[in-house]
Amino acid sequence: MHETTKKITLNTLYQIIGKVITMSVTIAATIIVTRTFGRQGYGAFSLMQTFPALFFIIADFGLNAIVTIV
């Protein structure tokens, strides 16, 4: 196997492992919040998480990607 192919394979594997871990933590957090607060509480929690994320996306406006490239 070429060195480049080996690097690509390992990087892909690490990305998949990272994605599985991230999804597992997200699912666990969702289960914990849902069981703790119920449907109404989870809805409020979800709304509380969505608004700051929306404002962050609007405020960022892609500047982070531009600064990273330069």
N, C-alpha and C. Protein backbone atom coordinates (compact mmCIF):
# COMPACT_ATOMS: atom_id res chain seq x y z
N MET A 1 0.84 -1.17 0.00
CA MET A 1 0.00 0.00 0.00
C MET A 1 0.90 1.24 0.00
N HIS A 2 0.57 2.19 -0.84
CA HIS A 2 1.33 3.43 -0.88
C HIS A 2 1.12 4.23 0.40
N GLU A 3 2.06 5.08 0.70
CA GLU A 3 2.00 5.91 1.91
C GLU A 3 0.77 6.82 1.89
N THR A 4 0.47 7.40 0.73
CA THR A 4 -0.69 8.29 0.61
C THR A 4 -1.98 7.53 0.85
N THR A 5 -2.09 6.35 0.27
CA THR A 5 -3.29 5.53 0.45
C THR A 5 -3.46 5.14 1.91
N LYS A 6 -2.36 4.83 2.56
CA LYS A 6 -2.40 4.47 3.97
C LYS A 6 -2.87 5.65 4.82
N LYS A 7 -2.36 6.86 4.53
CA LYS A 7 -2.77 8.05 5.27
C LYS A 7 -4.25 8.34 5.07
N ILE A 8 -4.71 8.23 3.83
CA ILE A 8 -6.12 8.49 3.53
C ILE A 8 -7.00 7.49 4.26
N THR A 9 -6.60 6.22 4.25
CA THR A 9 -7.37 5.18 4.92
C THR A 9 -7.44 5.43 6.42
N LEU A 10 -6.32 5.75 7.04
CA LEU A 10 -6.30 6.02 8.48
C LEU A 10 -7.11 7.26 8.82
N ASN A 11 -6.97 8.32 8.03
CA ASN A 11 -7.74 9.54 8.29
C ASN A 11 -9.25 9.29 8.16
N THR A 12 -9.63 8.51 7.17
CA THR A 12 -11.04 8.16 7.00
C THR A 12 -11.55 7.36 8.19
N LEU A 13 -10.75 6.41 8.64
CA LEU A 13 -11.12 5.60 9.80
C LEU A 13 -11.27 6.47 11.04
N TYR A 14 -10.34 7.39 11.25
CA TYR A 14 -10.43 8.29 12.40
C TYR A 14 -11.67 9.18 12.32
N GLN A 15 -12.01 9.63 11.13
CA GLN A 15 -13.21 10.45 10.96
C GLN A 15 -14.47 9.66 11.30
N ILE A 16 -14.52 8.41 10.86
CA ILE A 16 -15.68 7.56 11.14
C ILE A 16 -15.79 7.30 12.64
N ILE A 17 -14.67 6.99 13.28
CA ILE A 17 -14.68 6.74 14.73
C ILE A 17 -15.13 8.00 15.47
N GLY A 18 -14.62 9.14 15.08
CA GLY A 18 -15.01 10.40 15.71
C GLY A 18 -16.49 10.68 15.53
N LYS A 19 -17.02 10.39 14.36
CA LYS A 19 -18.45 10.62 14.08
C LYS A 19 -19.32 9.69 14.93
N VAL A 20 -18.90 8.44 15.09
CA VAL A 20 -19.65 7.49 15.91
C VAL A 20 -19.66 7.94 17.37
N ILE A 21 -18.52 8.39 17.87
CA ILE A 21 -18.44 8.87 19.25
C ILE A 21 -19.33 10.10 19.44
N THR A 22 -19.26 11.03 18.51
CA THR A 22 -20.08 12.24 18.59
C THR A 22 -21.56 11.91 18.57
N MET A 23 -21.98 11.02 17.67
CA MET A 23 -23.38 10.63 17.60
C MET A 23 -23.82 9.92 18.87
N SER A 24 -22.96 9.09 19.44
CA SER A 24 -23.30 8.37 20.67
C SER A 24 -23.51 9.34 21.83
N VAL A 25 -22.63 10.32 21.96
CA VAL A 25 -22.77 11.31 23.03
C VAL A 25 -24.04 12.13 22.82
N THR A 26 -24.34 12.51 21.58
CA THR A 26 -25.55 13.28 21.29
C THR A 26 -26.80 12.49 21.63
N ILE A 27 -26.83 11.23 21.26
CA ILE A 27 -27.99 10.38 21.57
C ILE A 27 -28.14 10.20 23.07
N ALA A 28 -27.02 9.98 23.77
CA ALA A 28 -27.08 9.81 25.22
C ALA A 28 -27.58 11.09 25.90
N ALA A 29 -27.10 12.24 25.45
CA ALA A 29 -27.54 13.52 26.03
C ALA A 29 -29.03 13.74 25.77
N THR A 30 -29.48 13.40 24.58
CA THR A 30 -30.91 13.54 24.24
C THR A 30 -31.76 12.65 25.13
N ILE A 31 -31.32 11.43 25.34
CA ILE A 31 -32.07 10.51 26.20
C ILE A 31 -32.12 11.03 27.64
N ILE A 32 -30.99 11.50 28.14
CA ILE A 32 -30.94 12.01 29.51
C ILE A 32 -31.84 13.23 29.68
N VAL A 33 -31.77 14.17 28.75
CA VAL A 33 -32.59 15.39 28.86
C VAL A 33 -34.07 15.04 28.73
N THR A 34 -34.41 14.15 27.81
CA THR A 34 -35.81 13.78 27.61
C THR A 34 -36.37 13.09 28.84
N ARG A 35 -35.61 12.18 29.42
CA ARG A 35 -36.10 11.48 30.61
C ARG A 35 -36.17 12.40 31.82
N THR A 36 -35.29 13.37 31.89
CA THR A 36 -35.28 14.28 33.03
C THR A 36 -36.40 15.31 32.95
N PHE A 37 -36.60 15.94 31.79
CA PHE A 37 -37.54 17.04 31.66
C PHE A 37 -38.86 16.68 30.99
N GLY A 38 -38.98 15.53 30.38
CA GLY A 38 -40.21 15.15 29.69
C GLY A 38 -40.32 15.85 28.34
N ARG A 39 -41.49 15.70 27.72
CA ARG A 39 -41.69 16.26 26.38
C ARG A 39 -41.63 17.78 26.37
N GLN A 40 -42.34 18.39 27.30
CA GLN A 40 -42.38 19.86 27.35
C GLN A 40 -41.00 20.43 27.61
N GLY A 41 -40.30 19.84 28.57
CA GLY A 41 -38.97 20.33 28.92
C GLY A 41 -37.98 20.13 27.80
N TYR A 42 -38.09 18.99 27.09
CA TYR A 42 -37.19 18.76 25.97
C TYR A 42 -37.45 19.75 24.85
N GLY A 43 -38.72 20.08 24.64
CA GLY A 43 -39.04 21.07 23.62
C GLY A 43 -38.44 22.43 23.94
N ALA A 44 -38.53 22.82 25.21
CA ALA A 44 -37.94 24.10 25.63
C ALA A 44 -36.41 24.04 25.52
N PHE A 45 -35.83 22.91 25.89
CA PHE A 45 -34.38 22.73 25.78
C PHE A 45 -33.93 22.82 24.33
N SER A 46 -34.66 22.19 23.46
CA SER A 46 -34.34 22.20 22.03
C SER A 46 -34.43 23.62 21.47
N LEU A 47 -35.46 24.34 21.87
CA LEU A 47 -35.62 25.72 21.44
C LEU A 47 -34.47 26.58 21.96
N MET A 48 -34.08 26.34 23.22
CA MET A 48 -32.98 27.09 23.82
C MET A 48 -31.67 26.83 23.08
N GLN A 49 -31.49 25.64 22.56
CA GLN A 49 -30.27 25.31 21.83
C GLN A 49 -30.30 25.85 20.40
N THR A 50 -31.47 25.94 19.81
CA THR A 50 -31.59 26.34 18.42
C THR A 50 -31.35 27.83 18.20
N PHE A 51 -31.90 28.68 19.07
CA PHE A 51 -31.75 30.12 18.89
C PHE A 51 -30.30 30.58 18.93
N PRO A 52 -29.51 30.21 19.93
CA PRO A 52 -28.11 30.65 19.91
C PRO A 52 -27.34 30.12 18.70
N ALA A 53 -27.65 28.90 18.27
CA ALA A 53 -26.98 28.34 17.10
C ALA A 53 -27.32 29.16 15.85
N LEU A 54 -28.57 29.54 15.72
CA LEU A 54 -28.99 30.34 14.58
C LEU A 54 -28.28 31.69 14.58
N PHE A 55 -28.24 32.34 15.73
CA PHE A 55 -27.58 33.64 15.80
C PHE A 55 -26.08 33.53 15.58
N PHE A 56 -25.48 32.43 16.03
CA PHE A 56 -24.06 32.22 15.79
C PHE A 56 -23.77 32.08 14.30
N ILE A 57 -24.62 31.34 13.61
CA ILE A 57 -24.43 31.16 12.16
C ILE A 57 -24.57 32.51 11.45
N ILE A 58 -25.55 33.29 11.84
CA ILE A 58 -25.74 34.61 11.22
C ILE A 58 -24.56 35.52 11.53
N ALA A 59 -24.10 35.53 12.79
CA ALA A 59 -23.01 36.40 13.19
C ALA A 59 -21.69 35.99 12.55
N ASP A 60 -21.47 34.70 12.44
CA ASP A 60 -20.21 34.21 11.86
C ASP A 60 -20.14 34.55 10.38
N PHE A 61 -21.22 34.32 9.66
CA PHE A 61 -21.36 34.68 8.25
C PHE A 61 -20.20 34.18 7.38
N GLY A 62 -19.61 33.07 7.77
CA GLY A 62 -18.55 32.48 6.97
C GLY A 62 -17.19 33.12 7.14
N LEU A 63 -17.06 34.04 8.06
CA LEU A 63 -15.78 34.72 8.24
C LEU A 63 -14.70 33.77 8.77
N ASN A 64 -15.09 32.80 9.56
CA ASN A 64 -14.14 31.85 10.11
C ASN A 64 -13.44 31.08 8.98
N ALA A 65 -14.19 30.66 7.98
CA ALA A 65 -13.60 29.93 6.85
C ALA A 65 -12.68 30.83 6.05
N ILE A 66 -13.04 32.09 5.89
CA ILE A 66 -12.21 33.03 5.14
C ILE A 66 -10.89 33.26 5.87
N VAL A 67 -10.95 33.46 7.17
CA VAL A 67 -9.74 33.72 7.95
C VAL A 67 -8.85 32.49 7.96
N THR A 68 -9.43 31.29 7.99
CA THR A 68 -8.66 30.06 7.99
C THR A 68 -7.88 29.91 6.68
N ILE A 69 -8.48 30.28 5.56
CA ILE A 69 -7.83 30.14 4.26
C ILE A 69 -6.66 31.10 4.13
N VAL A 70 -6.82 32.32 4.62
CA VAL A 70 -5.77 33.34 4.51
C VAL A 70 -4.71 32.99 5.47
